[in-house]
Amino acid sequence: MQAAPPLSPLDHGEPAAELQRLVAGDGSSAELEADVLRVRDRQGAILFEYDPERRQGRLVMPTGDLRLEAPAGNVEVMAGGEIRCMAAGGVALHSATSVRMSASDGTETAGLRVDGQSAALTGRRVGVHAEEGDFRITRARYAGQWVEAGVERAELMFDKVERRVGRLVERATRAYHYVEELHQLKAGRSRTRVDDALDIDAGRVTMKAREDVDIDGRQINLG
């Protein structure tokens, strides 16, 4: 690489900064102009630029790929401000062990951890917003203090359902239960309260009590 003589700047009525350039045999060059350092390829495209006045550096690969490698060490990217990643195509992260992302304000921490066996999402508040979703989980467990759901329509299909609650309260405008075979209720006490009318329609009715049976009404019709 040899030093090229300074180029004569175009005269725009103001004095221009002197351009210093080093040119390699293939035509690539390094130049210094007004304290701005640039490295160009043989076509003249900028590969690297550093501007000390703006405190800004730029690494560019006009054509082809750009790859950072540390085969025997780590690669760290650190910034005092934000780090932004933008791509015209996809963005892929892969690790042989695990991938971790976290954010903290000094008191609370939220994060995502993915390894070969599991994925964990933690945070004081987690929100999922989507037009459509598909969840396929072989076995799920939920433990919490409060659940609130507002659904316009729900269709549930279970092979077996078992509920154990301390107190169950259900409110509905209309409720229909269809049982093909047996409907059995076992309770310590059972009470039915109907404001208007109670209709029982069955092929056969059997009522059995170990003690008294009381029927009270203003008028009782049998037969």
Protein backbone atom coordinates (compact mmCIF):
# COMPACT_ATOMS: atom_id res chain seq x y z
CA MET A 1 0.00 0.00 0.00
CA GLN A 2 1.35 3.37 -0.99
CA ALA A 3 0.40 6.88 -0.11
CA ALA A 4 -1.35 8.84 -2.85
CA PRO A 5 -0.88 12.58 -3.17
CA PRO A 6 -3.67 14.73 -1.75
CA LEU A 7 -6.53 15.28 -4.17
CA SER A 8 -7.35 18.77 -5.29
CA PRO A 9 -10.81 19.61 -3.91
CA LEU A 10 -13.37 21.31 -6.08
CA ASP A 11 -13.55 25.03 -5.60
CA HIS A 12 -16.92 25.93 -4.06
CA GLY A 13 -15.81 29.32 -2.84
CA GLU A 14 -14.79 27.91 0.56
CA PRO A 15 -11.54 26.21 1.50
CA ALA A 16 -12.00 22.42 1.53
CA ALA A 17 -10.26 20.05 3.88
CA GLU A 18 -7.19 18.27 2.58
CA LEU A 19 -7.79 14.64 1.62
CA GLN A 20 -5.12 12.09 2.51
CA ARG A 21 -5.38 8.65 0.96
CA LEU A 22 -3.62 5.30 1.04
CA VAL A 23 -4.38 3.03 -1.92
CA ALA A 24 -3.83 -0.75 -2.00
CA GLY A 25 -2.87 -2.73 -5.06
CA ASP A 26 -6.46 -3.89 -5.74
CA GLY A 27 -7.82 -0.35 -5.62
CA SER A 28 -9.20 -0.37 -2.05
CA SER A 29 -8.21 2.65 -0.03
CA ALA A 30 -8.13 4.36 3.35
CA GLU A 31 -8.61 8.09 3.48
CA LEU A 32 -8.64 10.87 6.04
CA GLU A 33 -10.61 14.04 5.37
CA ALA A 34 -11.38 16.67 8.01
CA ASP A 35 -10.54 14.12 10.71
CA VAL A 36 -13.11 11.68 9.25
CA LEU A 37 -11.56 8.29 8.57
CA ARG A 38 -13.01 6.16 5.76
CA VAL A 39 -12.09 2.79 4.29
CA ARG A 40 -13.36 2.09 0.77
CA ASP A 41 -13.39 -0.95 -1.50
CA ARG A 42 -11.98 -0.86 -5.00
CA GLN A 43 -15.31 0.38 -6.38
CA GLY A 44 -15.21 3.33 -3.97
CA ALA A 45 -17.99 2.17 -1.66
CA ILE A 46 -17.50 2.96 2.04
CA LEU A 47 -16.69 -0.08 4.20
CA PHE A 48 -15.84 1.76 7.43
CA GLU A 49 -16.27 5.33 8.52
CA TYR A 50 -15.39 7.07 11.78
CA ASP A 51 -16.36 10.67 12.54
CA PRO A 52 -14.78 11.87 15.82
CA GLU A 53 -16.74 15.13 15.84
CA ARG A 54 -20.10 13.33 15.81
CA ARG A 55 -18.63 10.42 17.79
CA GLN A 56 -20.07 8.01 15.29
CA GLY A 57 -18.66 4.91 13.63
CA ARG A 58 -20.16 2.92 10.76
CA LEU A 59 -19.25 -0.51 9.37
CA VAL A 60 -20.78 -1.34 5.97
CA MET A 61 -20.67 -4.32 3.62
CA PRO A 62 -22.14 -3.03 0.32
CA THR A 63 -22.37 -6.48 -1.27
CA GLY A 64 -21.94 -9.94 0.19
CA ASP A 65 -22.07 -11.05 3.82
CA LEU A 66 -20.63 -9.64 7.03
CA ARG A 67 -19.53 -12.09 9.73
CA LEU A 68 -18.06 -11.61 13.19
CA GLU A 69 -16.17 -14.60 14.57
CA ALA A 70 -14.44 -15.45 17.84
CA PRO A 71 -13.86 -19.23 17.57
CA ALA A 72 -12.09 -19.47 20.94
CA GLY A 73 -13.78 -16.62 22.81
CA ASN A 74 -16.89 -14.55 23.34
CA VAL A 75 -18.49 -11.79 21.29
CA GLU A 76 -19.94 -8.88 23.27
CA VAL A 77 -21.94 -5.94 21.97
CA MET A 78 -22.33 -3.15 24.51
CA ALA A 79 -24.08 0.20 24.20
CA GLY A 80 -24.83 3.03 26.59
CA GLY A 81 -28.11 3.63 24.77
CA GLU A 82 -30.33 1.37 22.67
CA ILE A 83 -29.42 -1.57 20.42
CA ARG A 84 -31.62 -1.90 17.34
CA CYS A 85 -31.72 -4.85 14.94
CA MET A 86 -33.46 -4.43 11.57
CA ALA A 87 -33.54 -6.89 8.70
CA ALA A 88 -35.30 -7.14 5.35
CA GLY A 89 -35.52 -10.89 5.93
CA GLY A 90 -35.74 -13.08 9.01
CA VAL A 91 -33.86 -12.79 12.29
CA ALA A 92 -32.63 -16.05 13.85
CA LEU A 93 -31.01 -16.72 17.24
CA HIS A 94 -29.52 -20.14 17.91
CA SER A 95 -27.51 -21.47 20.83
CA ALA A 96 -26.12 -24.89 21.72
CA THR A 97 -27.13 -24.34 25.37
CA SER A 98 -29.62 -21.53 26.08
CA VAL A 99 -30.89 -18.11 25.02
CA ARG A 100 -31.67 -15.48 27.66
CA MET A 101 -33.26 -12.04 27.41
CA SER A 102 -34.03 -9.85 30.41
CA ALA A 103 -34.90 -6.28 31.30
CA SER A 104 -34.73 -4.65 34.71
CA ASP A 105 -35.53 -1.22 36.13
CA GLY A 106 -33.50 -1.89 39.27
CA THR A 107 -36.40 -3.28 41.31
CA GLU A 108 -38.36 -5.52 38.91
CA THR A 109 -36.98 -7.93 36.30
CA ALA A 110 -38.75 -9.55 33.37
CA GLY A 111 -37.16 -12.04 31.06
CA LEU A 112 -37.30 -14.92 28.62
CA ARG A 113 -35.15 -18.03 28.85
CA VAL A 114 -35.06 -20.82 26.29
CA ASP A 115 -32.95 -23.96 26.51
CA GLY A 116 -33.05 -27.39 24.94
CA GLN A 117 -35.83 -28.64 27.24
CA SER A 118 -37.97 -25.66 28.25
CA ALA A 119 -38.96 -22.06 27.69
CA ALA A 120 -39.78 -19.71 30.58
CA LEU A 121 -41.33 -16.24 30.44
CA THR A 122 -41.32 -14.24 33.68
CA GLY A 123 -42.53 -10.79 34.58
CA ARG A 124 -44.81 -8.85 36.87
CA ARG A 125 -47.26 -8.52 33.99
CA VAL A 126 -47.42 -10.55 30.77
CA GLY A 127 -49.71 -9.64 27.87
CA VAL A 128 -50.55 -11.58 24.72
CA HIS A 129 -52.61 -9.86 22.00
CA ALA A 130 -53.48 -11.69 18.79
CA GLU A 131 -56.35 -12.08 16.32
CA GLU A 132 -56.03 -15.88 16.45
CA GLY A 133 -54.10 -18.33 18.62
CA ASP A 134 -53.36 -22.05 18.80
CA PHE A 135 -52.08 -23.65 22.02
CA ARG A 136 -51.21 -27.35 22.10
CA ILE A 137 -50.00 -28.55 25.49
CA THR A 138 -49.95 -32.19 26.55
CA ARG A 139 -50.20 -31.37 30.26
CA ALA A 140 -50.84 -27.98 31.86
CA ARG A 141 -51.00 -26.71 35.44
CA TYR A 142 -52.19 -23.35 36.68
CA ALA A 143 -51.73 -21.95 40.18
CA GLY A 144 -52.92 -18.45 40.96
CA GLN A 145 -55.12 -16.29 43.16
CA TRP A 146 -57.56 -14.73 40.69
CA VAL A 147 -58.84 -15.54 37.19
CA GLU A 148 -61.14 -13.25 35.22
CA ALA A 149 -62.28 -14.10 31.69
CA GLY A 150 -64.67 -12.41 29.27
CA VAL A 151 -65.53 -14.59 26.29
CA GLU A 152 -68.30 -14.09 23.73
CA ARG A 153 -68.47 -17.79 22.82
CA ALA A 154 -66.63 -20.85 24.08
CA GLU A 155 -66.71 -24.48 22.92
CA LEU A 156 -65.03 -27.01 25.22
CA MET A 157 -64.53 -30.70 24.52
CA PHE A 158 -63.24 -32.93 27.32
CA ASP A 159 -63.04 -36.69 27.75
CA LYS A 160 -63.20 -36.30 31.55
CA VAL A 161 -63.64 -33.25 33.78
CA GLU A 162 -63.20 -33.19 37.55
CA ARG A 163 -63.78 -30.03 39.58
CA ARG A 164 -62.99 -29.49 43.24
CA VAL A 165 -64.03 -26.12 44.62
CA GLY A 166 -64.83 -24.70 48.03
CA ARG A 167 -67.85 -22.79 46.73
CA LEU A 168 -69.40 -22.80 43.27
CA VAL A 169 -71.73 -20.04 42.08
CA GLU A 170 -73.16 -20.10 38.54
CA ARG A 171 -75.38 -17.42 36.98
CA ALA A 172 -77.02 -17.76 33.58
CA THR A 173 -79.99 -16.38 31.66
CA ARG A 174 -80.74 -19.85 30.28
CA ALA A 175 -79.01 -23.13 31.07
CA TYR A 176 -79.47 -26.43 29.21
CA HIS A 177 -77.89 -29.73 30.23
CA TYR A 178 -77.97 -32.74 27.91
CA VAL A 179 -76.90 -36.10 29.35
CA GLU A 180 -77.18 -39.21 27.19
CA GLU A 181 -76.98 -41.81 29.96
CA LEU A 182 -76.91 -41.02 33.69
CA HIS A 183 -77.14 -37.75 35.60
CA GLN A 184 -76.42 -38.31 39.30
CA LEU A 185 -76.27 -35.78 42.12
CA LYS A 186 -74.94 -36.73 45.53
CA ALA A 187 -75.12 -34.05 48.21
CA GLY A 188 -75.40 -33.63 51.95
CA ARG A 189 -78.41 -31.37 51.38
CA SER A 190 -80.19 -30.34 48.19
CA ARG A 191 -82.49 -27.36 47.73
CA THR A 192 -84.33 -26.20 44.62
CA ARG A 193 -86.03 -22.81 44.47
CA VAL A 194 -88.14 -21.82 41.46
CA ASP A 195 -90.01 -18.50 41.22
CA ASP A 196 -92.61 -19.51 38.63
CA ALA A 197 -93.20 -23.16 37.71
CA LEU A 198 -91.40 -26.47 38.14
CA ASP A 199 -92.09 -29.10 35.47
CA ILE A 200 -90.89 -32.69 35.69
CA ASP A 201 -91.50 -34.90 32.67
CA ALA A 202 -90.23 -38.45 32.88
CA GLY A 203 -91.18 -41.94 31.78
CA ARG A 204 -91.06 -43.08 35.40
CA VAL A 205 -90.60 -41.21 38.67
CA THR A 206 -89.51 -42.85 41.89
CA MET A 207 -89.25 -40.89 45.13
CA LYS A 208 -87.99 -42.56 48.29
CA ALA A 209 -87.39 -41.05 51.70
CA ARG A 210 -86.16 -42.71 54.91
CA GLU A 211 -88.29 -40.30 56.94
CA ASP A 212 -91.31 -38.06 56.33
CA VAL A 213 -92.37 -36.61 52.98
CA ASP A 214 -94.13 -33.23 53.18
CA ILE A 215 -96.11 -31.75 50.29
CA ASP A 216 -97.58 -28.31 50.92
CA GLY A 217 -99.55 -26.34 48.37
CA ARG A 218 -102.72 -24.33 47.99
CA GLN A 219 -104.08 -27.02 45.67
CA ILE A 220 -102.68 -30.49 44.98
CA ASN A 221 -103.92 -32.47 41.98
CA LEU A 222 -103.16 -36.16 41.63
CA GLY A 223 -104.04 -38.22 38.56
